[in-house]
């Protein structure tokens, strides 16, 4: 199953090279790139960089913080946290192609000293106990059936009293998900939890849930805007770079799923 998930995200080759080519075509100077130039592709979650910053504001971060990003993808959130707070962020992702690209993209914007990326499984983290001061995971658990193991591992590697933010797509009340969607072309690699199940998973892992934020309506508006951009003049580089030519279909389906409440987006702010 993990192989199928990795294939879904790995794209057709060197992701950094593909992204660089799109940026050059858009007239970007590769020697003067900023994190904002990468935001349309490397913040691979609903709401993008704006939501990353909102959630980061709840994590009690400063320059001394050591942060873990579980399911770090192309490294956008890790770079946003590092750039904003001066903290060190370690990203872990199942897909080696993402880790390789994340490392390259970080060098483009001068953040290599503050971020690093490792290939690994969220249900069996390769880190010591009580190592991190905070952790975040965004739009990752939808591909993970063993959520109890994922959250238990997150709790294990966090210091007591630290913050953990889990922001994910959850199963809504409106019926089965319409595929393909950005995290799955078909149902076999999609494992959505309900809001009640998420509460149980996190509590059973030893987290105290401090805050629950349902952002479904805002997510619907965000996807409406994205769908409009894709139908018109799309950004220079988008998620299509690694998801392929059916990304526009995925985006349309995602909007329907949100409108019909087949899915919900919810963030859980927890204390270890």
Foldseek 3Di string as FASTA:
>chain_A
DLVVLLLQFQFDDQLLVLLVVLCVVVVDDLQDDALVLCFQAQQPAQPTPVVLVVVLVLFPAALDFEEEEEQCFLNSSQVSNCVPHVHAYEYEHQHPSSQVNNCVVCVSHVNNVRYHYYYDDLLDDPAAFQAGQEYEYGADCQQPQPLLSNLLSVNRNHHAFGKYKYKHKAFFPLDAADDDASSHRDDPRTHHHHPVVVVVSNVVSPKDWDDKDWCLVVSLVSLVVQLVCVVPPHDSDHNCSRNPDCNNVNSVSVNVCSVSGRITIMMTMIGD
